[in-house]
Amino acid sequence: MPFMMSKSKTHGTSLVIGSLVWASAFIATAFLFKGHPAKDWIEAALFIGALTFLVWKPQRLVCVR
């Protein structure tokens, strides 16, 4: 059972770190491209990339015994 806990903890940590990376990318884009039309395109690409990752992320199968 300890192996399952560590895997779950790792998954949660990677989820938090991934969210922080995406948020940092949005904030950096807003500051770097302030007033530039490319900002909207870059933010749209980041948003679509995040949604694509969430939708097409491989799902883990759970076997209940």
PDB file of N, CA and C in Angstrom:
ATOM      1  N   MET A   1       0.792  -1.213   0.000  1.00  0.00           N
ATOM      2  CA  MET A   1       0.000   0.000   0.000  1.00  0.00           C
ATOM      3  C   MET A   1       0.838   1.283   0.000  1.00  0.00           C
ATOM      4  N   PRO A   2       2.021   1.316   0.608  1.00  0.00           N
ATOM      5  CA  PRO A   2       2.816   2.551   0.570  1.00  0.00           C
ATOM      6  C   PRO A   2       3.190   2.969  -0.840  1.00  0.00           C
ATOM      7  N   PHE A   3       3.350   1.996  -1.746  1.00  0.00           N
ATOM      8  CA  PHE A   3       3.684   2.340  -3.122  1.00  0.00           C
ATOM      9  C   PHE A   3       2.574   3.149  -3.759  1.00  0.00           C
ATOM     10  N   MET A   4       1.335   2.811  -3.475  1.00  0.00           N
ATOM     11  CA  MET A   4       0.194   3.533  -4.026  1.00  0.00           C
ATOM     12  C   MET A   4       0.149   4.963  -3.501  1.00  0.00           C
ATOM     13  N   MET A   5       0.490   5.157  -2.257  1.00  0.00           N
ATOM     14  CA  MET A   5       0.476   6.501  -1.683  1.00  0.00           C
ATOM     15  C   MET A   5       1.533   7.382  -2.346  1.00  0.00           C
ATOM     16  N   SER A   6       2.716   6.846  -2.569  1.00  0.00           N
ATOM     17  CA  SER A   6       3.772   7.662  -3.156  1.00  0.00           C
ATOM     18  C   SER A   6       3.431   8.024  -4.603  1.00  0.00           C
ATOM     19  N   LYS A   7       2.802   7.109  -5.339  1.00  0.00           N
ATOM     20  CA  LYS A   7       2.432   7.392  -6.715  1.00  0.00           C
ATOM     21  C   LYS A   7       1.354   8.481  -6.759  1.00  0.00           C
ATOM     22  N   SER A   8       0.402   8.418  -5.855  1.00  0.00           N
ATOM     23  CA  SER A   8      -0.654   9.425  -5.793  1.00  0.00           C
ATOM     24  C   SER A   8      -0.076  10.782  -5.405  1.00  0.00           C
ATOM     25  N   LYS A   9       0.845  10.764  -4.471  1.00  0.00           N
ATOM     26  CA  LYS A   9       1.470  12.012  -4.026  1.00  0.00           C
ATOM     27  C   LYS A   9       2.278  12.633  -5.163  1.00  0.00           C
ATOM     28  N   THR A  10       2.977  11.805  -5.926  1.00  0.00           N
ATOM     29  CA  THR A  10       3.758  12.297  -7.054  1.00  0.00           C
ATOM     30  C   THR A  10       2.845  12.901  -8.109  1.00  0.00           C
ATOM     31  N   HIS A  11       1.711  12.247  -8.362  1.00  0.00           N
ATOM     32  CA  HIS A  11       0.761  12.752  -9.356  1.00  0.00           C
ATOM     33  C   HIS A  11       0.209  14.115  -8.927  1.00  0.00           C
ATOM     34  N   GLY A  12      -0.111  14.268  -7.664  1.00  0.00           N
ATOM     35  CA  GLY A  12      -0.618  15.541  -7.163  1.00  0.00           C
ATOM     36  C   GLY A  12       0.419  16.646  -7.251  1.00  0.00           C
ATOM     37  N   THR A  13       1.665  16.305  -6.949  1.00  0.00           N
ATOM     38  CA  THR A  13       2.746  17.285  -7.025  1.00  0.00           C
ATOM     39  C   THR A  13       2.970  17.730  -8.459  1.00  0.00           C
ATOM     40  N   SER A  14       2.953  16.772  -9.383  1.00  0.00           N
ATOM     41  CA  SER A  14       3.168  17.143 -10.789  1.00  0.00           C
ATOM     42  C   SER A  14       2.005  17.980 -11.316  1.00  0.00           C
ATOM     43  N   LEU A  15       0.816  17.734 -10.825  1.00  0.00           N
ATOM     44  CA  LEU A  15      -0.341  18.530 -11.227  1.00  0.00           C
ATOM     45  C   LEU A  15      -0.193  19.978 -10.754  1.00  0.00           C
ATOM     46  N   VAL A  16       0.246  20.166  -9.533  1.00  0.00           N
ATOM     47  CA  VAL A  16       0.436  21.516  -8.991  1.00  0.00           C
ATOM     48  C   VAL A  16       1.560  22.234  -9.732  1.00  0.00           C
ATOM     49  N   ILE A  17       2.663  21.543  -9.970  1.00  0.00           N
ATOM     50  CA  ILE A  17       3.790  22.168 -10.672  1.00  0.00           C
ATOM     51  C   ILE A  17       3.402  22.519 -12.101  1.00  0.00           C
ATOM     52  N   GLY A  18       2.674  21.629 -12.765  1.00  0.00           N
ATOM     53  CA  GLY A  18       2.212  21.908 -14.130  1.00  0.00           C
ATOM     54  C   GLY A  18       1.290  23.113 -14.180  1.00  0.00           C
ATOM     55  N   SER A  19       0.397  23.225 -13.208  1.00  0.00           N
ATOM     56  CA  SER A  19      -0.507  24.378 -13.150  1.00  0.00           C
ATOM     57  C   SER A  19       0.264  25.674 -12.928  1.00  0.00           C
ATOM     58  N   LEU A  20       1.269  25.617 -12.077  1.00  0.00           N
ATOM     59  CA  LEU A  20       2.078  26.813 -11.835  1.00  0.00           C
ATOM     60  C   LEU A  20       2.861  27.221 -13.081  1.00  0.00           C
ATOM     61  N   VAL A  21       3.333  26.245 -13.844  1.00  0.00           N
ATOM     62  CA  VAL A  21       4.056  26.553 -15.079  1.00  0.00           C
ATOM     63  C   VAL A  21       3.128  27.232 -16.079  1.00  0.00           C
ATOM     64  N   TRP A  22       1.906  26.696 -16.258  1.00  0.00           N
ATOM     65  CA  TRP A  22       0.953  27.300 -17.196  1.00  0.00           C
ATOM     66  C   TRP A  22       0.561  28.705 -16.737  1.00  0.00           C
ATOM     67  N   ALA A  23       0.336  28.883 -15.435  1.00  0.00           N
ATOM     68  CA  ALA A  23      -0.017  30.207 -14.929  1.00  0.00           C
ATOM     69  C   ALA A  23       1.131  31.190 -15.142  1.00  0.00           C
ATOM     70  N   SER A  24       2.354  30.739 -14.909  1.00  0.00           N
ATOM     71  CA  SER A  24       3.521  31.598 -15.134  1.00  0.00           C
ATOM     72  C   SER A  24       3.642  31.988 -16.600  1.00  0.00           C
ATOM     73  N   ALA A  25       3.344  31.048 -17.487  1.00  0.00           N
ATOM     74  CA  ALA A  25       3.414  31.351 -18.918  1.00  0.00           C
ATOM     75  C   ALA A  25       2.385  32.406 -19.303  1.00  0.00           C
ATOM     76  N   PHE A  26       1.182  32.316 -18.760  1.00  0.00           N
ATOM     77  CA  PHE A  26       0.153  33.318 -19.048  1.00  0.00           C
ATOM     78  C   PHE A  26       0.555  34.689 -18.514  1.00  0.00           C
ATOM     79  N   ILE A  27       1.074  34.731 -17.300  1.00  0.00           N
ATOM     80  CA  ILE A  27       1.473  36.002 -16.697  1.00  0.00           C
ATOM     81  C   ILE A  27       2.646  36.623 -17.452  1.00  0.00           C
ATOM     82  N   ALA A  28       3.633  35.789 -17.808  1.00  0.00           N
ATOM     83  CA  ALA A  28       4.789  36.295 -18.554  1.00  0.00           C
ATOM     84  C   ALA A  28       4.367  36.823 -19.920  1.00  0.00           C
ATOM     85  N   THR A  29       3.447  36.129 -20.576  1.00  0.00           N
ATOM     86  CA  THR A  29       2.955  36.593 -21.872  1.00  0.00           C
ATOM     87  C   THR A  29       2.252  37.939 -21.736  1.00  0.00           C
ATOM     88  N   ALA A  30       1.464  38.085 -20.684  1.00  0.00           N
ATOM     89  CA  ALA A  30       0.751  39.342 -20.479  1.00  0.00           C
ATOM     90  C   ALA A  30       1.717  40.511 -20.275  1.00  0.00           C
ATOM     91  N   PHE A  31       2.804  40.284 -19.535  1.00  0.00           N
ATOM     92  CA  PHE A  31       3.761  41.355 -19.291  1.00  0.00           C
ATOM     93  C   PHE A  31       4.655  41.628 -20.499  1.00  0.00           C
ATOM     94  N   LEU A  32       5.134  40.564 -21.145  1.00  0.00           N
ATOM     95  CA  LEU A  32       6.081  40.740 -22.247  1.00  0.00           C
ATOM     96  C   LEU A  32       5.438  41.313 -23.508  1.00  0.00           C
ATOM     97  N   PHE A  33       4.207  40.936 -23.777  1.00  0.00           N
ATOM     98  CA  PHE A  33       3.549  41.360 -25.003  1.00  0.00           C
ATOM     99  C   PHE A  33       2.402  42.341 -24.741  1.00  0.00           C
ATOM    100  N   LYS A  34       2.534  43.143 -23.721  1.00  0.00           N
ATOM    101  CA  LYS A  34       1.489  44.105 -23.365  1.00  0.00           C
ATOM    102  C   LYS A  34       1.266  45.087 -24.524  1.00  0.00           C
ATOM    103  N   GLY A  35       0.029  45.149 -25.006  1.00  0.00           N
ATOM    104  CA  GLY A  35      -0.314  46.057 -26.085  1.00  0.00           C
ATOM    105  C   GLY A  35       0.044  45.548 -27.467  1.00  0.00           C
ATOM    106  N   HIS A  36       0.557  44.365 -27.577  1.00  0.00           N
ATOM    107  CA  HIS A  36       0.957  43.798 -28.868  1.00  0.00           C
ATOM    108  C   HIS A  36      -0.087  42.760 -29.292  1.00  0.00           C
ATOM    109  N   PRO A  37      -0.503  42.765 -30.547  1.00  0.00           N
ATOM    110  CA  PRO A  37      -1.541  41.815 -30.976  1.00  0.00           C
ATOM    111  C   PRO A  37      -1.118  40.346 -30.866  1.00  0.00           C
ATOM    112  N   ALA A  38       0.176  40.077 -30.847  1.00  0.00           N
ATOM    113  CA  ALA A  38       0.636  38.686 -30.740  1.00  0.00           C
ATOM    114  C   ALA A  38       0.282  38.083 -29.389  1.00  0.00           C
ATOM    115  N   LYS A  39       0.071  38.941 -28.382  1.00  0.00           N
ATOM    116  CA  LYS A  39      -0.265  38.446 -27.043  1.00  0.00           C
ATOM    117  C   LYS A  39      -1.512  37.585 -27.073  1.00  0.00           C
ATOM    118  N   ASP A  40      -2.529  38.008 -27.791  1.00  0.00           N
ATOM    119  CA  ASP A  40      -3.775  37.241 -27.853  1.00  0.00           C
ATOM    120  C   ASP A  40      -3.555  35.886 -28.517  1.00  0.00           C
ATOM    121  N   TRP A  41      -2.746  35.859 -29.576  1.00  0.00           N
ATOM    122  CA  TRP A  41      -2.485  34.595 -30.260  1.00  0.00           C
ATOM    123  C   TRP A  41      -1.695  33.643 -29.389  1.00  0.00           C
ATOM    124  N   ILE A  42      -0.709  34.169 -28.673  1.00  0.00           N
ATOM    125  CA  ILE A  42       0.109  33.321 -27.805  1.00  0.00           C
ATOM    126  C   ILE A  42      -0.719  32.782 -26.647  1.00  0.00           C
ATOM    127  N   GLU A  43      -1.535  33.632 -26.032  1.00  0.00           N
ATOM    128  CA  GLU A  43      -2.386  33.170 -24.935  1.00  0.00           C
ATOM    129  C   GLU A  43      -3.410  32.157 -25.423  1.00  0.00           C
ATOM    130  N   ALA A  44      -3.931  32.358 -26.624  1.00  0.00           N
ATOM    131  CA  ALA A  44      -4.878  31.386 -27.178  1.00  0.00           C
ATOM    132  C   ALA A  44      -4.188  30.045 -27.410  1.00  0.00           C
ATOM    133  N   ALA A  45      -2.953  30.075 -27.906  1.00  0.00           N
ATOM    134  CA  ALA A  45      -2.208  28.827 -28.128  1.00  0.00           C
ATOM    135  C   ALA A  45      -1.924  28.122 -26.805  1.00  0.00           C
ATOM    136  N   LEU A  46      -1.571  28.880 -25.762  1.00  0.00           N
ATOM    137  CA  LEU A  46      -1.350  28.281 -24.450  1.00  0.00           C
ATOM    138  C   LEU A  46      -2.627  27.655 -23.907  1.00  0.00           C
ATOM    139  N   PHE A  47      -3.743  28.338 -24.069  1.00  0.00           N
ATOM    140  CA  PHE A  47      -5.020  27.835 -23.574  1.00  0.00           C
ATOM    141  C   PHE A  47      -5.429  26.568 -24.314  1.00  0.00           C
ATOM    142  N   ILE A  48      -5.293  26.577 -25.639  1.00  0.00           N
ATOM    143  CA  ILE A  48      -5.648  25.399 -26.429  1.00  0.00           C
ATOM    144  C   ILE A  48      -4.709  24.241 -26.101  1.00  0.00           C
ATOM    145  N   GLY A  49      -3.440  24.534 -25.903  1.00  0.00           N
ATOM    146  CA  GLY A  49      -2.493  23.481 -25.523  1.00  0.00           C
ATOM    147  C   GLY A  49      -2.836  22.854 -24.182  1.00  0.00           C
ATOM    148  N   ALA A  50      -3.240  23.676 -23.224  1.00  0.00           N
ATOM    149  CA  ALA A  50      -3.622  23.148 -21.910  1.00  0.00           C
ATOM    150  C   ALA A  50      -4.872  22.287 -22.013  1.00  0.00           C
ATOM    151  N   LEU A  51      -5.860  22.750 -22.751  1.00  0.00           N
ATOM    152  CA  LEU A  51      -7.089  21.959 -22.905  1.00  0.00           C
ATOM    153  C   LEU A  51      -6.825  20.660 -23.654  1.00  0.00           C
ATOM    154  N   THR A  52      -5.985  20.718 -24.671  1.00  0.00           N
ATOM    155  CA  THR A  52      -5.649  19.511 -25.428  1.00  0.00           C
ATOM    156  C   THR A  52      -4.957  18.498 -24.530  1.00  0.00           C
ATOM    157  N   PHE A  53      -4.058  18.959 -23.684  1.00  0.00           N
ATOM    158  CA  PHE A  53      -3.374  18.056 -22.768  1.00  0.00           C
ATOM    159  C   PHE A  53      -4.358  17.415 -21.804  1.00  0.00           C
ATOM    160  N   LEU A  54      -5.312  18.184 -21.286  1.00  0.00           N
ATOM    161  CA  LEU A  54      -6.281  17.636 -20.342  1.00  0.00           C
ATOM    162  C   LEU A  54      -7.223  16.636 -20.996  1.00  0.00           C
ATOM    163  N   VAL A  55      -7.641  16.918 -22.229  1.00  0.00           N
ATOM    164  CA  VAL A  55      -8.602  16.044 -22.897  1.00  0.00           C
ATOM    165  C   VAL A  55      -7.936  14.762 -23.385  1.00  0.00           C
ATOM    166  N   TRP A  56      -6.749  14.865 -23.945  1.00  0.00           N
ATOM    167  CA  TRP A  56      -6.100  13.697 -24.538  1.00  0.00           C
ATOM    168  C   TRP A  56      -5.084  13.031 -23.624  1.00  0.00           C
ATOM    169  N   LYS A  57      -5.056  13.437 -22.357  1.00  0.00           N
ATOM    170  CA  LYS A  57      -4.142  12.832 -21.393  1.00  0.00           C
ATOM    171  C   LYS A  57      -4.520  11.360 -21.217  1.00  0.00           C
ATOM    172  N   PRO A  58      -3.551  10.466 -21.202  1.00  0.00           N
ATOM    173  CA  PRO A  58      -3.882   9.048 -21.011  1.00  0.00           C
ATOM    174  C   PRO A  58      -4.542   8.826 -19.655  1.00  0.00           C
ATOM    175  N   GLN A  59      -5.625   8.101 -19.671  1.00  0.00           N
ATOM    176  CA  GLN A  59      -6.360   7.819 -18.455  1.00  0.00           C
ATOM    177  C   GLN A  59      -5.806   6.557 -17.797  1.00  0.00           C
ATOM    178  N   ARG A  60      -5.727   6.560 -16.494  1.00  0.00           N
ATOM    179  CA  ARG A  60      -5.271   5.379 -15.757  1.00  0.00           C
ATOM    180  C   ARG A  60      -6.475   4.500 -15.462  1.00  0.00           C
ATOM    181  N   LEU A  61      -6.306   3.220 -15.699  1.00  0.00           N
ATOM    182  CA  LEU A  61      -7.351   2.272 -15.375  1.00  0.00           C
ATOM    183  C   LEU A  61      -7.241   1.873 -13.918  1.00  0.00           C
ATOM    184  N   VAL A  62      -8.379   1.813 -13.252  1.00  0.00           N
ATOM    185  CA  VAL A  62      -8.403   1.448 -11.839  1.00  0.00           C
ATOM    186  C   VAL A  62      -9.042   0.091 -11.724  1.00  0.00           C
ATOM    187  N   CYS A  63      -8.364  -0.804 -11.060  1.00  0.00           N
ATOM    188  CA  CYS A  63      -8.870  -2.154 -10.843  1.00  0.00           C
ATOM    189  C   CYS A  63      -9.233  -2.290  -9.371  1.00  0.00           C
ATOM    190  N   VAL A  64     -10.507  -2.427  -9.073  1.00  0.00           N
ATOM    191  CA  VAL A  64     -10.963  -2.569  -7.700  1.00  0.00           C
ATOM    192  C   VAL A  64     -11.028  -4.054  -7.382  1.00  0.00           C
ATOM    193  N   ARG A  65     -10.365  -4.442  -6.332  1.00  0.00           N
ATOM    194  CA  ARG A  65     -10.366  -5.866  -5.945  1.00  0.00           C
ATOM    195  C   ARG A  65     -11.089  -6.074  -4.663  1.00  0.00           C
TER     196      ARG A  65
END
